[in-house]
Amino acid sequence: MSTTLWGLDIGSIYGILALFTNLLAKEERKLVAPLTLAGYRRERNLELTAATAFFISAIPLFWRPAPLVGASRFYFWIAPFIVRRGLAVEQNKVQALRIGLRPHP
């Protein structure tokens, strides 16, 4: 029961973050550079995907452990954090290339 509530809670938090990011992108459209707006949209989409993953993990079907892999809800929970970290690393590489620095391997 507590893991279900945790999944719903984190899903709600990501949903609220996506709503705020969407509002920010719409409100500041005329004041912010298009490249920055694209970053806000990517962030919003990632937050919506994370919220969806956490809400799906609350479905009882994903509570049952599967042989050799365990409960699949844990994979739903870890995926948004891995994706967010991967996108941050990629964004740092792109930014380094823009200013003429070589990214670290």
Protein backbone atom coordinates (compact mmCIF):
# COMPACT_ATOMS: atom_id res chain seq x y z
CA MET A 1 0.00 0.00 0.00
CA SER A 2 2.75 2.45 0.90
CA THR A 3 4.61 1.85 -2.37
CA THR A 4 1.41 2.55 -4.30
CA LEU A 5 0.96 5.83 -2.48
CA TRP A 6 4.62 6.68 -3.07
CA GLY A 7 4.22 6.06 -6.81
CA LEU A 8 1.09 8.21 -6.93
CA ASP A 9 2.78 10.94 -4.88
CA ILE A 10 5.89 11.14 -7.07
CA GLY A 11 3.71 10.94 -10.20
CA SER A 12 1.69 13.90 -8.93
CA ILE A 13 4.86 15.86 -8.19
CA TYR A 14 6.18 15.26 -11.71
CA GLY A 15 2.77 16.21 -13.14
CA ILE A 16 2.78 19.50 -11.23
CA LEU A 17 6.35 20.19 -12.38
CA ALA A 18 5.29 19.56 -15.98
CA LEU A 19 2.36 21.96 -15.55
CA PHE A 20 4.63 24.69 -14.17
CA THR A 21 7.22 24.14 -16.91
CA ASN A 22 4.47 24.36 -19.53
CA LEU A 23 3.16 27.60 -18.01
CA LEU A 24 6.69 29.02 -17.94
CA ALA A 25 7.26 28.14 -21.59
CA LYS A 26 3.96 29.72 -22.64
CA GLU A 27 4.24 32.86 -20.50
CA GLU A 28 7.83 33.68 -21.40
CA ARG A 29 7.61 32.80 -25.10
CA LYS A 30 8.35 36.37 -26.22
CA LEU A 31 11.10 36.99 -23.66
CA VAL A 32 13.16 33.80 -23.97
CA ALA A 33 15.38 32.63 -26.83
CA PRO A 34 13.90 29.85 -29.00
CA LEU A 35 16.71 27.49 -28.01
CA THR A 36 15.87 27.95 -24.34
CA LEU A 37 12.18 27.41 -25.10
CA ALA A 38 13.05 24.12 -26.79
CA GLY A 39 14.83 23.08 -23.60
CA TYR A 40 11.73 23.92 -21.56
CA ARG A 41 9.59 21.83 -23.89
CA ARG A 42 11.98 18.88 -23.63
CA GLU A 43 11.93 19.21 -19.84
CA ARG A 44 8.12 19.32 -19.84
CA ASN A 45 7.89 16.20 -22.00
CA LEU A 46 10.34 14.35 -19.76
CA GLU A 47 8.36 15.33 -16.66
CA LEU A 48 5.10 14.16 -18.26
CA THR A 49 6.73 10.86 -19.20
CA ALA A 50 8.02 10.41 -15.65
CA ALA A 51 4.59 11.21 -14.19
CA THR A 52 2.99 8.67 -16.51
CA ALA A 53 5.56 6.02 -15.55
CA PHE A 54 4.91 6.55 -11.84
CA PHE A 55 1.12 6.47 -12.32
CA ILE A 56 1.37 3.26 -14.35
CA SER A 57 3.53 1.69 -11.64
CA ALA A 58 0.64 2.10 -9.18
CA ILE A 59 -1.45 -0.43 -11.14
CA PRO A 60 -1.57 -3.72 -9.17
CA LEU A 61 -0.39 -5.69 -12.21
CA PHE A 62 3.13 -4.32 -11.69
CA TRP A 63 3.29 -5.25 -7.99
CA ARG A 64 3.84 -8.97 -8.62
CA PRO A 65 7.46 -10.09 -8.82
CA ALA A 66 8.53 -11.72 -12.06
CA PRO A 67 11.11 -14.51 -12.15
CA LEU A 68 14.72 -13.26 -12.30
CA VAL A 69 13.77 -9.56 -12.55
CA GLY A 70 11.70 -8.79 -9.44
CA ALA A 71 8.78 -6.40 -9.33
CA SER A 72 8.57 -4.39 -12.54
CA ARG A 73 7.37 -1.26 -10.72
CA PHE A 74 10.94 -0.66 -9.58
CA TYR A 75 12.04 -0.39 -13.23
CA PHE A 76 9.29 2.17 -13.84
CA TRP A 77 10.59 4.14 -10.86
CA ILE A 78 14.28 4.14 -11.82
CA ALA A 79 13.81 4.82 -15.57
CA PRO A 80 12.97 8.56 -15.30
CA PHE A 81 16.05 9.22 -13.17
CA ILE A 82 18.34 7.39 -15.60
CA VAL A 83 16.82 9.19 -18.59
CA ARG A 84 17.11 12.58 -16.86
CA ARG A 85 20.79 11.95 -16.05
CA GLY A 86 21.50 10.80 -19.59
CA LEU A 87 19.87 13.90 -21.05
CA ALA A 88 21.85 16.14 -18.68
CA VAL A 89 25.13 14.54 -19.77
CA GLU A 90 24.18 14.89 -23.43
CA GLN A 91 23.15 18.52 -22.93
CA ASN A 92 26.49 19.29 -21.28
CA LYS A 93 28.31 17.81 -24.28
CA VAL A 94 26.26 19.90 -26.72
CA GLN A 95 26.84 23.04 -24.68
CA ALA A 96 30.58 22.37 -24.54
CA LEU A 97 30.67 21.95 -28.32
CA ARG A 98 28.84 25.25 -28.76
CA ILE A 99 31.45 27.19 -26.83
CA GLY A 100 34.33 25.33 -28.43
CA LEU A 101 35.41 23.01 -25.62
CA ARG A 102 36.08 19.34 -26.07
CA PRO A 103 33.75 17.20 -23.91
CA HIS A 104 35.30 14.67 -21.57
CA PRO A 105 34.93 11.05 -22.68
